Amino acid sequence: MPRTRGLQWNNKTKKLFRRGKEVVDRSADNMVNTVKTVGSATGTAVSLTAAGDDTNIDLTLAAQGTGNVTVSSTGAIVVPKGTTAQAPTGAAGMLRYNTTLARYERYDVSAGAFVDIATQAAAAAEIDPVSIAETLSAGSIL
């Protein structure tokens, strides 16, 4: 079995092991969501994917104690991307690429919004032409 930092991939069983124990136990009959590991026949990639009956499943990589999760490569990390309308409910530490505004964003807890990483500015509020027309027709001065 090939070894990488304490993890072992068994090509014959297609299972991931650590210290001789399977990392993902698929034996429980009542499991709804699992982690699916797929090894490449050419050895170029291993995929770790959340799978199950739920529509939305979080996938958490957690180190133990004060350990870190490390991506060791000369390549790149692809961050989640989507439109402004597709932005998730924000939480501290979230990063994403906004395809509508063509910018990288982080969630700012104090602002309660995703902000541009480069400028630290939140998205400008869209102007509502109907409310402008109602304000002008009521005789208000801008």
N, C-alpha and C. Protein backbone atom coordinates (compact mmCIF):
# COMPACT_ATOMS: atom_id res chain seq x y z
N MET A 1 0.83 -1.18 0.00
CA MET A 1 0.00 0.00 0.00
C MET A 1 0.88 1.25 0.00
N PRO A 2 0.62 2.22 -0.90
CA PRO A 2 1.37 3.47 -0.87
C PRO A 2 1.08 4.23 0.42
N ARG A 3 2.12 4.88 1.00
CA ARG A 3 1.95 5.62 2.25
C ARG A 3 2.18 7.11 2.01
N THR A 4 1.36 7.93 2.64
CA THR A 4 1.52 9.38 2.61
C THR A 4 1.14 9.93 3.97
N ARG A 5 2.12 10.40 4.73
CA ARG A 5 1.91 11.04 6.02
C ARG A 5 0.94 10.27 6.93
N GLY A 6 1.17 8.99 7.11
CA GLY A 6 0.36 8.21 8.02
C GLY A 6 -0.88 7.60 7.41
N LEU A 7 -1.24 8.02 6.20
CA LEU A 7 -2.41 7.45 5.53
C LEU A 7 -1.94 6.42 4.53
N GLN A 8 -2.73 5.38 4.36
CA GLN A 8 -2.40 4.32 3.41
C GLN A 8 -3.60 4.09 2.50
N TRP A 9 -3.37 4.08 1.20
CA TRP A 9 -4.41 3.78 0.22
C TRP A 9 -4.19 2.36 -0.27
N ASN A 10 -5.21 1.53 -0.14
CA ASN A 10 -5.13 0.16 -0.60
C ASN A 10 -5.82 0.08 -1.95
N ASN A 11 -5.02 -0.09 -3.02
CA ASN A 11 -5.59 -0.15 -4.36
C ASN A 11 -6.49 -1.36 -4.58
N LYS A 12 -6.21 -2.44 -3.88
CA LYS A 12 -7.00 -3.66 -4.04
C LYS A 12 -8.40 -3.48 -3.44
N THR A 13 -8.47 -2.96 -2.20
CA THR A 13 -9.77 -2.80 -1.54
C THR A 13 -10.42 -1.45 -1.80
N LYS A 14 -9.62 -0.51 -2.38
CA LYS A 14 -10.09 0.85 -2.65
C LYS A 14 -10.54 1.54 -1.36
N LYS A 15 -9.75 1.34 -0.28
CA LYS A 15 -10.07 1.93 1.01
C LYS A 15 -8.86 2.68 1.54
N LEU A 16 -9.13 3.69 2.37
CA LEU A 16 -8.10 4.50 2.98
C LEU A 16 -7.92 4.07 4.43
N PHE A 17 -6.66 3.88 4.85
CA PHE A 17 -6.37 3.41 6.19
C PHE A 17 -5.41 4.36 6.90
N ARG A 18 -5.51 4.38 8.23
CA ARG A 18 -4.55 5.09 9.08
C ARG A 18 -4.24 4.18 10.25
N ARG A 19 -2.97 3.89 10.45
CA ARG A 19 -2.51 2.97 11.51
C ARG A 19 -3.25 1.63 11.44
N GLY A 20 -3.49 1.14 10.24
CA GLY A 20 -4.11 -0.16 10.05
C GLY A 20 -5.62 -0.17 10.16
N LYS A 21 -6.25 0.97 10.47
CA LYS A 21 -7.71 1.03 10.59
C LYS A 21 -8.30 1.83 9.44
N GLU A 22 -9.45 1.38 8.93
CA GLU A 22 -10.10 2.08 7.84
C GLU A 22 -10.53 3.46 8.33
N VAL A 23 -10.23 4.48 7.54
CA VAL A 23 -10.56 5.86 7.91
C VAL A 23 -12.07 6.07 7.87
N VAL A 24 -12.73 5.51 6.89
CA VAL A 24 -14.18 5.66 6.76
C VAL A 24 -14.81 4.30 6.97
N ASP A 25 -15.63 4.18 7.98
CA ASP A 25 -16.30 2.92 8.28
C ASP A 25 -17.65 2.91 7.59
N ARG A 26 -17.78 2.10 6.56
CA ARG A 26 -19.04 2.05 5.81
C ARG A 26 -19.94 0.91 6.29
N SER A 27 -19.64 0.34 7.45
CA SER A 27 -20.37 -0.84 7.89
C SER A 27 -21.71 -0.53 8.56
N ALA A 28 -21.90 0.71 9.01
CA ALA A 28 -23.14 1.03 9.71
C ALA A 28 -24.31 1.07 8.73
N ASP A 29 -25.33 0.31 9.01
CA ASP A 29 -26.49 0.25 8.12
C ASP A 29 -27.32 1.52 8.15
N ASN A 30 -27.21 2.29 9.23
CA ASN A 30 -28.07 3.46 9.37
C ASN A 30 -27.41 4.76 8.89
N MET A 31 -26.26 4.67 8.22
CA MET A 31 -25.58 5.87 7.74
C MET A 31 -26.32 6.44 6.53
N VAL A 32 -26.64 7.73 6.58
CA VAL A 32 -27.28 8.41 5.46
C VAL A 32 -26.21 9.04 4.58
N ASN A 33 -25.23 9.70 5.20
CA ASN A 33 -24.18 10.39 4.47
C ASN A 33 -22.83 9.75 4.78
N THR A 34 -21.99 9.65 3.78
CA THR A 34 -20.68 9.03 3.94
C THR A 34 -19.63 9.87 3.21
N VAL A 35 -18.40 9.44 3.32
CA VAL A 35 -17.32 10.02 2.54
C VAL A 35 -16.91 8.97 1.52
N LYS A 36 -16.87 9.39 0.27
CA LYS A 36 -16.52 8.48 -0.83
C LYS A 36 -15.08 8.77 -1.24
N THR A 37 -14.25 7.75 -1.25
CA THR A 37 -12.87 7.90 -1.71
C THR A 37 -12.72 7.17 -3.03
N VAL A 38 -12.11 7.83 -3.98
CA VAL A 38 -11.90 7.24 -5.28
C VAL A 38 -10.44 7.42 -5.66
N GLY A 39 -9.75 6.31 -5.92
CA GLY A 39 -8.36 6.37 -6.34
C GLY A 39 -8.28 6.31 -7.85
N SER A 40 -7.25 6.96 -8.39
CA SER A 40 -7.05 6.97 -9.82
C SER A 40 -6.24 5.74 -10.24
N ALA A 41 -6.61 5.14 -11.33
CA ALA A 41 -5.88 3.98 -11.84
C ALA A 41 -4.46 4.36 -12.25
N THR A 42 -4.27 5.61 -12.64
CA THR A 42 -2.95 6.06 -13.08
C THR A 42 -2.15 6.65 -11.94
N GLY A 43 -2.75 6.79 -10.77
CA GLY A 43 -2.04 7.35 -9.63
C GLY A 43 -1.95 8.86 -9.64
N THR A 44 -2.72 9.53 -10.48
CA THR A 44 -2.62 10.98 -10.58
C THR A 44 -3.53 11.72 -9.63
N ALA A 45 -4.57 11.08 -9.12
CA ALA A 45 -5.50 11.81 -8.26
C ALA A 45 -6.24 10.86 -7.33
N VAL A 46 -6.59 11.38 -6.17
CA VAL A 46 -7.49 10.69 -5.25
C VAL A 46 -8.57 11.70 -4.91
N SER A 47 -9.80 11.30 -5.00
CA SER A 47 -10.92 12.19 -4.73
C SER A 47 -11.58 11.82 -3.41
N LEU A 48 -11.84 12.80 -2.59
CA LEU A 48 -12.54 12.63 -1.32
C LEU A 48 -13.82 13.45 -1.42
N THR A 49 -14.97 12.79 -1.46
CA THR A 49 -16.22 13.44 -1.76
C THR A 49 -17.30 13.08 -0.74
N ALA A 50 -18.08 14.07 -0.31
CA ALA A 50 -19.24 13.80 0.53
C ALA A 50 -20.31 13.17 -0.35
N ALA A 51 -20.93 12.10 0.13
CA ALA A 51 -21.95 11.42 -0.64
C ALA A 51 -23.08 11.01 0.29
N GLY A 52 -24.27 10.93 -0.24
CA GLY A 52 -25.38 10.48 0.58
C GLY A 52 -26.73 10.93 0.06
N ASP A 53 -27.73 10.76 0.92
CA ASP A 53 -29.11 11.05 0.54
C ASP A 53 -29.48 12.52 0.68
N ASP A 54 -28.74 13.28 1.50
CA ASP A 54 -29.05 14.69 1.71
C ASP A 54 -28.65 15.51 0.49
N THR A 55 -29.36 16.61 0.25
CA THR A 55 -29.07 17.49 -0.88
C THR A 55 -27.78 18.25 -0.67
N ASN A 56 -27.58 18.80 0.51
CA ASN A 56 -26.39 19.58 0.83
C ASN A 56 -25.65 18.91 1.98
N ILE A 57 -24.39 18.54 1.74
CA ILE A 57 -23.60 17.86 2.75
C ILE A 57 -22.28 18.61 2.91
N ASP A 58 -21.98 19.04 4.13
CA ASP A 58 -20.70 19.68 4.40
C ASP A 58 -19.62 18.61 4.44
N LEU A 59 -18.41 18.99 4.07
CA LEU A 59 -17.25 18.11 4.15
C LEU A 59 -16.20 18.86 4.96
N THR A 60 -15.87 18.34 6.12
CA THR A 60 -14.93 19.01 7.02
C THR A 60 -13.65 18.21 7.12
N LEU A 61 -12.53 18.88 6.94
CA LEU A 61 -11.23 18.28 7.17
C LEU A 61 -10.73 18.89 8.47
N ALA A 62 -10.55 18.08 9.48
CA ALA A 62 -10.18 18.60 10.79
C ALA A 62 -8.91 17.93 11.30
N ALA A 63 -7.95 18.76 11.66
CA ALA A 63 -6.73 18.25 12.28
C ALA A 63 -7.03 18.01 13.76
N GLN A 64 -6.19 17.25 14.42
CA GLN A 64 -6.39 16.98 15.84
C GLN A 64 -5.58 17.97 16.67
N GLY A 65 -6.15 18.40 17.79
CA GLY A 65 -5.46 19.31 18.70
C GLY A 65 -5.09 20.61 18.00
N THR A 66 -3.82 20.98 18.08
CA THR A 66 -3.36 22.22 17.44
C THR A 66 -2.78 21.95 16.06
N GLY A 67 -3.04 20.76 15.51
CA GLY A 67 -2.55 20.42 14.17
C GLY A 67 -3.20 21.28 13.10
N ASN A 68 -2.60 21.30 11.93
CA ASN A 68 -3.09 22.08 10.80
C ASN A 68 -3.51 21.17 9.66
N VAL A 69 -4.42 21.64 8.84
CA VAL A 69 -4.75 20.96 7.59
C VAL A 69 -3.84 21.60 6.55
N THR A 70 -3.03 20.79 5.88
CA THR A 70 -2.04 21.30 4.94
C THR A 70 -2.29 20.74 3.55
N VAL A 71 -2.23 21.61 2.56
CA VAL A 71 -2.27 21.19 1.17
C VAL A 71 -0.85 21.33 0.67
N SER A 72 -0.23 20.23 0.35
CA SER A 72 1.16 20.23 -0.02
C SER A 72 1.27 20.01 -1.52
N SER A 73 1.54 21.09 -2.26
CA SER A 73 1.58 21.01 -3.71
C SER A 73 2.17 22.28 -4.27
N THR A 74 2.56 22.25 -5.52
CA THR A 74 2.97 23.47 -6.21
C THR A 74 1.85 23.97 -7.11
N GLY A 75 0.69 23.32 -7.03
CA GLY A 75 -0.47 23.70 -7.83
C GLY A 75 -1.24 24.83 -7.17
N ALA A 76 -2.53 24.74 -7.15
CA ALA A 76 -3.38 25.79 -6.60
C ALA A 76 -4.61 25.17 -5.94
N ILE A 77 -5.25 25.95 -5.10
CA ILE A 77 -6.52 25.56 -4.49
C ILE A 77 -7.62 26.28 -5.25
N VAL A 78 -8.64 25.58 -5.63
CA VAL A 78 -9.78 26.20 -6.28
C VAL A 78 -10.82 26.46 -5.20
N VAL A 79 -11.13 27.74 -5.00
CA VAL A 79 -12.11 28.11 -3.97
C VAL A 79 -13.52 28.03 -4.55
N PRO A 80 -14.52 27.91 -3.69
CA PRO A 80 -15.90 27.88 -4.18
C PRO A 80 -16.21 29.16 -4.95
N LYS A 81 -17.01 29.02 -6.00
CA LYS A 81 -17.37 30.19 -6.80
C LYS A 81 -18.85 30.16 -7.13
N GLY A 82 -19.41 31.35 -7.34
CA GLY A 82 -20.82 31.46 -7.69
C GLY A 82 -21.21 32.92 -7.80
N THR A 83 -22.44 33.15 -8.21
CA THR A 83 -22.95 34.51 -8.36
C THR A 83 -23.24 35.12 -7.00
N THR A 84 -23.53 36.41 -6.99
CA THR A 84 -23.91 37.09 -5.76
C THR A 84 -25.14 36.42 -5.16
N ALA A 85 -26.10 36.06 -6.00
CA ALA A 85 -27.34 35.42 -5.53
C ALA A 85 -27.09 34.04 -4.94
N GLN A 86 -26.02 33.39 -5.35
CA GLN A 86 -25.71 32.04 -4.86
C GLN A 86 -24.86 32.03 -3.60
N ALA A 87 -24.51 33.20 -3.07
CA ALA A 87 -23.67 33.25 -1.87
C ALA A 87 -24.37 32.53 -0.72
N PRO A 88 -23.61 31.74 0.04
CA PRO A 88 -24.21 31.01 1.17
C PRO A 88 -24.49 31.95 2.34
N THR A 89 -25.20 31.46 3.34
CA THR A 89 -25.34 32.19 4.58
C THR A 89 -23.94 32.31 5.16
N GLY A 90 -23.51 33.53 5.43
CA GLY A 90 -22.13 33.77 5.82
C GLY A 90 -21.79 33.29 7.23
N ALA A 91 -20.52 32.95 7.40
CA ALA A 91 -19.97 32.58 8.70
C ALA A 91 -18.50 32.99 8.71
N ALA A 92 -17.97 33.25 9.88
CA ALA A 92 -16.58 33.66 10.02
C ALA A 92 -15.65 32.67 9.33
N GLY A 93 -14.68 33.17 8.58
CA GLY A 93 -13.69 32.34 7.92
C GLY A 93 -14.04 31.93 6.50
N MET A 94 -15.21 32.27 6.01
CA MET A 94 -15.61 31.86 4.66
C MET A 94 -14.89 32.69 3.60
N LEU A 95 -14.46 32.00 2.53
CA LEU A 95 -13.85 32.62 1.36
C LEU A 95 -14.57 32.10 0.13
N ARG A 96 -14.73 32.95 -0.88
CA ARG A 96 -15.36 32.52 -2.14
C ARG A 96 -14.99 33.46 -3.26
N TYR A 97 -15.26 33.06 -4.52
CA TYR A 97 -15.07 33.92 -5.67
C TYR A 97 -16.46 34.28 -6.20
N ASN A 98 -16.74 35.58 -6.30
CA ASN A 98 -18.03 36.06 -6.77
C ASN A 98 -17.93 36.26 -8.28
N THR A 99 -18.63 35.41 -9.05
CA THR A 99 -18.56 35.49 -10.51
C THR A 99 -19.34 36.68 -11.06
N THR A 100 -20.33 37.18 -10.32
CA THR A 100 -21.07 38.36 -10.76
C THR A 100 -20.18 39.60 -10.72
N LEU A 101 -19.43 39.76 -9.63
CA LEU A 101 -18.60 40.94 -9.43
C LEU A 101 -17.14 40.72 -9.80
N ALA A 102 -16.78 39.50 -10.21
CA ALA A 102 -15.41 39.14 -10.59
C ALA A 102 -14.42 39.53 -9.50
N ARG A 103 -14.68 39.03 -8.28
CA ARG A 103 -13.79 39.35 -7.16
C ARG A 103 -13.77 38.22 -6.15
N TYR A 104 -12.65 38.16 -5.40
CA TYR A 104 -12.55 37.23 -4.28
C TYR A 104 -13.15 37.90 -3.05
N GLU A 105 -13.92 37.15 -2.28
CA GLU A 105 -14.61 37.71 -1.12
C GLU A 105 -14.34 36.89 0.13
N ARG A 106 -14.43 37.54 1.27
CA ARG A 106 -14.40 36.88 2.57
C ARG A 106 -15.62 37.37 3.32
N TYR A 107 -16.09 36.55 4.26
CA TYR A 107 -17.25 36.98 5.04
C TYR A 107 -16.76 37.81 6.22
N ASP A 108 -17.31 39.00 6.35
CA ASP A 108 -16.96 39.91 7.44
C ASP A 108 -18.10 39.86 8.46
N VAL A 109 -17.84 39.28 9.61
CA VAL A 109 -18.87 39.10 10.63
C VAL A 109 -19.42 40.44 11.10
N SER A 110 -18.54 41.43 11.32
CA SER A 110 -19.01 42.74 11.82
C SER A 110 -19.86 43.46 10.79
N ALA A 111 -19.56 43.28 9.50
CA ALA A 111 -20.37 43.91 8.45
C ALA A 111 -21.61 43.08 8.11
N GLY A 112 -21.57 41.79 8.47
CA GLY A 112 -22.70 40.91 8.15
C GLY A 112 -22.83 40.68 6.65
N ALA A 113 -21.70 40.69 5.94
CA ALA A 113 -21.74 40.56 4.48
C ALA A 113 -20.41 40.04 3.96
N PHE A 114 -20.44 39.56 2.72
CA PHE A 114 -19.20 39.20 2.04
C PHE A 114 -18.58 40.49 1.54
N VAL A 115 -17.27 40.65 1.74
CA VAL A 115 -16.57 41.86 1.30
C VAL A 115 -15.42 41.47 0.38
N ASP A 116 -15.07 42.41 -0.49
CA ASP A 116 -13.97 42.24 -1.43
C ASP A 116 -12.68 42.09 -0.64
N ILE A 117 -11.93 41.03 -0.88
CA ILE A 117 -10.68 40.81 -0.16
C ILE A 117 -9.68 41.92 -0.45
N ALA A 118 -9.63 42.41 -1.70
CA ALA A 118 -8.65 43.43 -2.08
C ALA A 118 -8.98 44.80 -1.50
N THR A 119 -10.25 45.20 -1.54
CA THR A 119 -10.61 46.56 -1.12
C THR A 119 -11.29 46.61 0.25
N GLN A 120 -11.70 45.45 0.77
CA GLN A 120 -12.45 45.34 2.02
C GLN A 120 -13.82 46.01 1.94
N ALA A 121 -14.32 46.24 0.72
CA ALA A 121 -15.62 46.89 0.54
C ALA A 121 -16.70 45.86 0.26
N ALA A 122 -17.87 46.10 0.85
CA ALA A 122 -19.03 45.24 0.57
C ALA A 122 -19.59 45.62 -0.79
N ALA A 123 -20.42 44.76 -1.36
CA ALA A 123 -21.06 45.06 -2.64
C ALA A 123 -21.96 46.27 -2.48
N ALA A 124 -21.94 47.15 -3.47
CA ALA A 124 -22.81 48.32 -3.43
C ALA A 124 -24.25 47.89 -3.56
N ALA A 125 -25.11 48.53 -2.80
CA ALA A 125 -26.54 48.20 -2.87
C ALA A 125 -27.08 48.62 -4.22
N GLU A 126 -27.95 47.79 -4.78
CA GLU A 126 -28.55 48.13 -6.06
C GLU A 126 -29.57 49.25 -5.86
N ILE A 127 -29.61 50.17 -6.82
CA ILE A 127 -30.55 51.29 -6.75
C ILE A 127 -31.89 50.83 -7.31
N ASP A 128 -32.95 51.10 -6.58
CA ASP A 128 -34.29 50.70 -6.99
C ASP A 128 -34.92 51.86 -7.75
N PRO A 129 -35.10 51.76 -9.11
CA PRO A 129 -35.65 52.86 -9.89
C PRO A 129 -37.08 53.22 -9.50
N VAL A 130 -37.85 52.25 -8.99
CA VAL A 130 -39.24 52.53 -8.59
C VAL A 130 -39.25 53.47 -7.39
N SER A 131 -38.41 53.21 -6.37
CA SER A 131 -38.41 54.07 -5.19
C SER A 131 -37.89 55.45 -5.53
N ILE A 132 -36.97 55.57 -6.50
CA ILE A 132 -36.50 56.89 -6.92
C ILE A 132 -37.64 57.65 -7.57
N ALA A 133 -38.39 57.00 -8.44
CA ALA A 133 -39.52 57.65 -9.12
C ALA A 133 -40.58 58.07 -8.10
N GLU A 134 -40.87 57.23 -7.11
CA GLU A 134 -41.86 57.57 -6.09
C GLU A 134 -41.38 58.77 -5.26
N THR A 135 -40.10 58.81 -4.96
CA THR A 135 -39.55 59.93 -4.19
C THR A 135 -39.66 61.22 -4.97
N LEU A 136 -39.34 61.18 -6.27
CA LEU A 136 -39.41 62.38 -7.10
C LEU A 136 -40.84 62.84 -7.29
N SER A 137 -41.77 61.91 -7.46
CA SER A 137 -43.17 62.29 -7.66
C SER A 137 -43.79 62.86 -6.38
N ALA A 138 -43.22 62.53 -5.24
CA ALA A 138 -43.72 63.06 -3.96
C ALA A 138 -43.18 64.45 -3.70
N GLY A 139 -42.30 64.95 -4.58
CA GLY A 139 -41.77 66.30 -4.44
C GLY A 139 -40.53 66.40 -3.57
N SER A 140 -39.92 65.28 -3.22
CA SER A 140 -38.71 65.33 -2.42
C SER A 140 -37.53 65.75 -3.28
N ILE A 141 -36.58 66.42 -2.66
CA ILE A 141 -35.37 66.83 -3.36
C ILE A 141 -34.26 65.88 -2.94
N LEU A 142 -33.52 65.40 -3.94
CA LEU A 142 -32.41 64.48 -3.64
C LEU A 142 -31.19 65.27 -3.25
